[in-house]
């Protein structure tokens, strides 16, 4: 790779990293072609960008972006794939799903809304993070519950008063 190609690759990575708040780093080495293809397909369906990157180029791009990636560049050893998503738990769920069949992909670390998570042991915690849509749904359910009870009580009172007349 020439110096010019490296500069272009770093610039592309900087552009990707500057516009997102959710970045997962994983090791997908050792997966056979069919499993890798299935992983890419699952990522595409979930709206996740999956790309194998060179560690040094990714590290330089991380340094050049305004986000504070903390110790995340320290995990850039061996093969690294970057997963970029709009949903905080989507990459973790996909990794977890693929781990049912083998020990790969391995989560190296994640950057989620200015928080840095390092280590494969955090996979379950990251997969259980609720998405924005799930949180909104929970809030709506909480708000609807008292209203439903009030309406139900009013209906019961109305039904009881009609039967007593």
C-alpha atoms as a PDB file:
ATOM      1  CA  UNK A   1       0.000   0.000   0.000  1.00  0.00           C
ATOM      2  CA  UNK A   2       1.500   3.312  -1.053  1.00  0.00           C
ATOM      3  CA  UNK A   3       1.682   6.364   1.164  1.00  0.00           C
ATOM      4  CA  UNK A   4      -1.056   8.016  -0.888  1.00  0.00           C
ATOM      5  CA  UNK A   5      -3.345   4.982  -0.547  1.00  0.00           C
ATOM      6  CA  UNK A   6      -2.758   4.970   3.214  1.00  0.00           C
ATOM      7  CA  UNK A   7      -3.652   8.667   3.438  1.00  0.00           C
ATOM      8  CA  UNK A   8      -6.864   8.020   1.524  1.00  0.00           C
ATOM      9  CA  UNK A   9      -7.729   5.046   3.774  1.00  0.00           C
ATOM     10  CA  UNK A  10      -7.103   7.122   6.913  1.00  0.00           C
ATOM     11  CA  UNK A  11      -9.271   9.921   5.552  1.00  0.00           C
ATOM     12  CA  UNK A  12     -12.092   7.447   4.805  1.00  0.00           C
ATOM     13  CA  UNK A  13     -11.869   6.019   8.325  1.00  0.00           C
ATOM     14  CA  UNK A  14     -11.827   9.534   9.828  1.00  0.00           C
ATOM     15  CA  UNK A  15     -14.989  10.388   7.911  1.00  0.00           C
ATOM     16  CA  UNK A  16     -16.708   7.233   9.141  1.00  0.00           C
ATOM     17  CA  UNK A  17     -15.632   7.703  12.770  1.00  0.00           C
ATOM     18  CA  UNK A  18     -16.495  11.416  12.916  1.00  0.00           C
ATOM     19  CA  UNK A  19     -20.149  10.811  12.093  1.00  0.00           C
ATOM     20  CA  UNK A  20     -20.917   7.949  14.511  1.00  0.00           C
ATOM     21  CA  UNK A  21     -21.298   7.294  18.210  1.00  0.00           C
ATOM     22  CA  UNK A  22     -21.273   3.494  18.088  1.00  0.00           C
ATOM     23  CA  UNK A  23     -18.152   1.604  17.026  1.00  0.00           C
ATOM     24  CA  UNK A  24     -17.326  -2.020  17.805  1.00  0.00           C
ATOM     25  CA  UNK A  25     -13.929  -3.612  17.206  1.00  0.00           C
ATOM     26  CA  UNK A  26     -13.888  -7.363  16.698  1.00  0.00           C
ATOM     27  CA  UNK A  27     -11.585 -10.134  15.568  1.00  0.00           C
ATOM     28  CA  UNK A  28     -13.208 -12.228  12.837  1.00  0.00           C
ATOM     29  CA  UNK A  29     -10.040 -14.030  11.754  1.00  0.00           C
ATOM     30  CA  UNK A  30     -10.351 -17.764  11.469  1.00  0.00           C
ATOM     31  CA  UNK A  31     -13.929 -17.720  10.199  1.00  0.00           C
ATOM     32  CA  UNK A  32     -14.450 -19.728   7.047  1.00  0.00           C
ATOM     33  CA  UNK A  33     -15.737 -18.038   3.906  1.00  0.00           C
ATOM     34  CA  UNK A  34     -19.347 -19.131   4.393  1.00  0.00           C
ATOM     35  CA  UNK A  35     -19.499 -17.925   8.008  1.00  0.00           C
ATOM     36  CA  UNK A  36     -17.846 -14.621   7.075  1.00  0.00           C
ATOM     37  CA  UNK A  37     -20.370 -14.163   4.281  1.00  0.00           C
ATOM     38  CA  UNK A  38     -23.232 -14.920   6.681  1.00  0.00           C
ATOM     39  CA  UNK A  39     -21.801 -12.425   9.191  1.00  0.00           C
ATOM     40  CA  UNK A  40     -21.564  -9.725   6.542  1.00  0.00           C
ATOM     41  CA  UNK A  41     -25.125 -10.476   5.415  1.00  0.00           C
ATOM     42  CA  UNK A  42     -26.447 -10.305   8.999  1.00  0.00           C
ATOM     43  CA  UNK A  43     -24.645  -7.013   9.552  1.00  0.00           C
ATOM     44  CA  UNK A  44     -26.066  -5.579   6.339  1.00  0.00           C
ATOM     45  CA  UNK A  45     -29.620  -6.587   7.327  1.00  0.00           C
ATOM     46  CA  UNK A  46     -29.153  -4.955  10.743  1.00  0.00           C
ATOM     47  CA  UNK A  47     -27.803  -1.734   9.236  1.00  0.00           C
ATOM     48  CA  UNK A  48     -24.271  -2.329  10.493  1.00  0.00           C
ATOM     49  CA  UNK A  49     -21.216  -1.446   8.459  1.00  0.00           C
ATOM     50  CA  UNK A  50     -18.561  -4.184   8.747  1.00  0.00           C
ATOM     51  CA  UNK A  51     -15.070  -3.593   7.425  1.00  0.00           C
ATOM     52  CA  UNK A  52     -11.690  -5.235   7.994  1.00  0.00           C
ATOM     53  CA  UNK A  53      -9.139  -2.521   8.715  1.00  0.00           C
ATOM     54  CA  UNK A  54      -5.424  -2.128   9.241  1.00  0.00           C
ATOM     55  CA  UNK A  55      -4.662  -1.391  12.883  1.00  0.00           C
ATOM     56  CA  UNK A  56      -2.180   1.425  12.292  1.00  0.00           C
ATOM     57  CA  UNK A  57      -4.516   3.213   9.886  1.00  0.00           C
ATOM     58  CA  UNK A  58      -7.441   2.905  12.281  1.00  0.00           C
ATOM     59  CA  UNK A  59      -5.318   4.168  15.165  1.00  0.00           C
ATOM     60  CA  UNK A  60      -4.254   7.239  13.176  1.00  0.00           C
ATOM     61  CA  UNK A  61      -7.884   7.895  12.198  1.00  0.00           C
ATOM     62  CA  UNK A  62      -8.969   7.601  15.851  1.00  0.00           C
ATOM     63  CA  UNK A  63      -6.320  10.112  16.888  1.00  0.00           C
ATOM     64  CA  UNK A  64      -7.466  12.579  14.219  1.00  0.00           C
ATOM     65  CA  UNK A  65     -11.155  12.537  15.207  1.00  0.00           C
ATOM     66  CA  UNK A  66     -12.713  14.672  17.954  1.00  0.00           C
ATOM     67  CA  UNK A  67     -14.085  11.626  19.834  1.00  0.00           C
ATOM     68  CA  UNK A  68     -12.156  10.461  22.895  1.00  0.00           C
ATOM     69  CA  UNK A  69     -11.604   6.761  22.248  1.00  0.00           C
ATOM     70  CA  UNK A  70      -9.688   6.371  25.525  1.00  0.00           C
ATOM     71  CA  UNK A  71      -7.798   3.078  25.699  1.00  0.00           C
ATOM     72  CA  UNK A  72      -9.564   1.614  22.663  1.00  0.00           C
ATOM     73  CA  UNK A  73      -6.486   1.914  20.408  1.00  0.00           C
ATOM     74  CA  UNK A  74      -4.655  -0.426  22.826  1.00  0.00           C
ATOM     75  CA  UNK A  75      -6.746  -3.387  21.569  1.00  0.00           C
ATOM     76  CA  UNK A  76      -5.600  -2.887  17.980  1.00  0.00           C
ATOM     77  CA  UNK A  77      -3.493  -6.015  17.730  1.00  0.00           C
ATOM     78  CA  UNK A  78      -3.931  -8.895  15.339  1.00  0.00           C
ATOM     79  CA  UNK A  79      -6.814  -8.845  12.887  1.00  0.00           C
ATOM     80  CA  UNK A  80      -9.377  -6.113  13.458  1.00  0.00           C
ATOM     81  CA  UNK A  81     -12.802  -5.543  11.985  1.00  0.00           C
ATOM     82  CA  UNK A  82     -14.749  -2.386  12.649  1.00  0.00           C
ATOM     83  CA  UNK A  83     -18.526  -2.516  13.058  1.00  0.00           C
ATOM     84  CA  UNK A  84     -20.345   0.813  12.852  1.00  0.00           C
ATOM     85  CA  UNK A  85     -24.008   1.033  13.804  1.00  0.00           C
ATOM     86  CA  UNK A  86     -26.771   3.442  14.779  1.00  0.00           C
ATOM     87  CA  UNK A  87     -28.101   1.030  17.415  1.00  0.00           C
ATOM     88  CA  UNK A  88     -25.930   0.471  20.485  1.00  0.00           C
ATOM     89  CA  UNK A  89     -26.702  -3.198  21.020  1.00  0.00           C
ATOM     90  CA  UNK A  90     -27.024  -4.444  17.415  1.00  0.00           C
ATOM     91  CA  UNK A  91     -23.357  -5.417  16.826  1.00  0.00           C
ATOM     92  CA  UNK A  92     -23.169  -7.146  20.216  1.00  0.00           C
ATOM     93  CA  UNK A  93     -26.310  -9.154  19.447  1.00  0.00           C
ATOM     94  CA  UNK A  94     -24.916 -10.266  16.097  1.00  0.00           C
ATOM     95  CA  UNK A  95     -21.564 -11.243  17.632  1.00  0.00           C
ATOM     96  CA  UNK A  96     -23.390 -13.150  20.369  1.00  0.00           C
ATOM     97  CA  UNK A  97     -25.560 -14.943  17.805  1.00  0.00           C
ATOM     98  CA  UNK A  98     -22.522 -16.048  15.785  1.00  0.00           C
ATOM     99  CA  UNK A  99     -20.736 -17.160  18.940  1.00  0.00           C
ATOM    100  CA  UNK A 100     -23.385 -19.847  19.451  1.00  0.00           C
ATOM    101  CA  UNK A 101     -21.748 -21.797  16.621  1.00  0.00           C
ATOM    102  CA  UNK A 102     -18.047 -21.022  17.225  1.00  0.00           C
ATOM    103  CA  UNK A 103     -15.732 -18.945  19.397  1.00  0.00           C
ATOM    104  CA  UNK A 104     -15.520 -16.148  16.803  1.00  0.00           C
ATOM    105  CA  UNK A 105     -15.998 -13.235  16.359  1.00  0.00           C
ATOM    106  CA  UNK A 106     -14.216 -11.991  19.468  1.00  0.00           C
ATOM    107  CA  UNK A 107     -15.150  -8.579  20.811  1.00  0.00           C
ATOM    108  CA  UNK A 108     -12.030  -6.472  21.320  1.00  0.00           C
ATOM    109  CA  UNK A 109     -13.750  -3.287  22.422  1.00  0.00           C
ATOM    110  CA  UNK A 110     -16.488  -0.785  21.770  1.00  0.00           C
ATOM    111  CA  UNK A 111     -17.104   2.948  21.774  1.00  0.00           C
ATOM    112  CA  UNK A 112     -20.726   3.704  22.582  1.00  0.00           C
ATOM    113  CA  UNK A 113     -21.935   7.270  23.112  1.00  0.00           C
ATOM    114  CA  UNK A 114     -18.610   8.503  24.540  1.00  0.00           C
ATOM    115  CA  UNK A 115     -18.109   5.416  26.756  1.00  0.00           C
ATOM    116  CA  UNK A 116     -15.313   2.938  26.047  1.00  0.00           C
ATOM    117  CA  UNK A 117     -15.701  -0.784  26.728  1.00  0.00           C
ATOM    118  CA  UNK A 118     -12.718  -3.103  26.421  1.00  0.00           C
ATOM    119  CA  UNK A 119     -12.800  -6.876  26.478  1.00  0.00           C
ATOM    120  CA  UNK A 120     -14.820  -9.811  25.260  1.00  0.00           C
ATOM    121  CA  UNK A 121     -16.211 -10.368  28.760  1.00  0.00           C
ATOM    122  CA  UNK A 122     -18.529  -7.344  28.269  1.00  0.00           C
ATOM    123  CA  UNK A 123     -20.380  -8.884  25.324  1.00  0.00           C
ATOM    124  CA  UNK A 124     -23.450  -9.925  27.337  1.00  0.00           C
ATOM    125  CA  UNK A 125     -23.712  -6.498  28.971  1.00  0.00           C
ATOM    126  CA  UNK A 126     -23.443  -4.714  25.627  1.00  0.00           C
ATOM    127  CA  UNK A 127     -26.036  -7.012  24.039  1.00  0.00           C
ATOM    128  CA  UNK A 128     -28.496  -6.187  26.832  1.00  0.00           C
ATOM    129  CA  UNK A 129     -28.266  -2.416  26.321  1.00  0.00           C
ATOM    130  CA  UNK A 130     -31.668  -1.191  25.207  1.00  0.00           C
ATOM    131  CA  UNK A 131     -31.913   0.674  21.933  1.00  0.00           C
ATOM    132  CA  UNK A 132     -33.509   4.104  21.704  1.00  0.00           C
ATOM    133  CA  UNK A 133     -36.658   2.581  20.206  1.00  0.00           C
ATOM    134  CA  UNK A 134     -36.898   0.008  23.012  1.00  0.00           C
ATOM    135  CA  UNK A 135     -36.530   2.722  25.663  1.00  0.00           C
ATOM    136  CA  UNK A 136     -39.211   4.862  24.021  1.00  0.00           C
ATOM    137  CA  UNK A 137     -41.504   1.826  23.908  1.00  0.00           C
ATOM    138  CA  UNK A 138     -40.903   1.159  27.626  1.00  0.00           C
ATOM    139  CA  UNK A 139     -41.660   4.780  28.497  1.00  0.00           C
ATOM    140  CA  UNK A 140     -44.873   4.733  26.453  1.00  0.00           C
ATOM    141  CA  UNK A 141     -45.967   1.530  28.188  1.00  0.00           C
ATOM    142  CA  UNK A 142     -45.273   3.093  31.596  1.00  0.00           C
ATOM    143  CA  UNK A 143     -47.248   6.191  30.683  1.00  0.00           C
ATOM    144  CA  UNK A 144     -50.169   4.201  29.264  1.00  0.00           C
ATOM    145  CA  UNK A 145     -50.512   1.920  32.271  1.00  0.00           C
ATOM    146  CA  UNK A 146     -52.021   4.480  34.713  1.00  0.00           C
ATOM    147  CA  UNK A 147     -54.271   5.890  31.991  1.00  0.00           C
ATOM    148  CA  UNK A 148     -55.600   2.407  31.203  1.00  0.00           C
ATOM    149  CA  UNK A 149     -56.309   1.797  34.888  1.00  0.00           C
ATOM    150  CA  UNK A 150     -58.212   5.091  35.202  1.00  0.00           C
ATOM    151  CA  UNK A 151     -60.260   4.352  32.072  1.00  0.00           C
ATOM    152  CA  UNK A 152     -60.940   0.822  33.333  1.00  0.00           C
ATOM    153  CA  UNK A 153     -62.079   2.153  36.726  1.00  0.00           C
ATOM    154  CA  UNK A 154     -64.358   4.710  35.072  1.00  0.00           C
ATOM    155  CA  UNK A 155     -65.902   2.032  32.855  1.00  0.00           C
ATOM    156  CA  UNK A 156     -66.486  -0.242  35.852  1.00  0.00           C
ATOM    157  CA  UNK A 157     -68.099   2.602  37.769  1.00  0.00           C
ATOM    158  CA  UNK A 158     -70.295   3.436  34.777  1.00  0.00           C
ATOM    159  CA  UNK A 159     -71.252  -0.227  34.302  1.00  0.00           C
ATOM    160  CA  UNK A 160     -72.055  -0.616  38.007  1.00  0.00           C
ATOM    161  CA  UNK A 161     -74.200   2.528  38.096  1.00  0.00           C
ATOM    162  CA  UNK A 162     -76.180   1.354  35.028  1.00  0.00           C
ATOM    163  CA  UNK A 163     -76.875  -2.039  36.579  1.00  0.00           C
ATOM    164  CA  UNK A 164     -78.060  -0.479  39.834  1.00  0.00           C
ATOM    165  CA  UNK A 165     -80.664   1.698  38.096  1.00  0.00           C
END
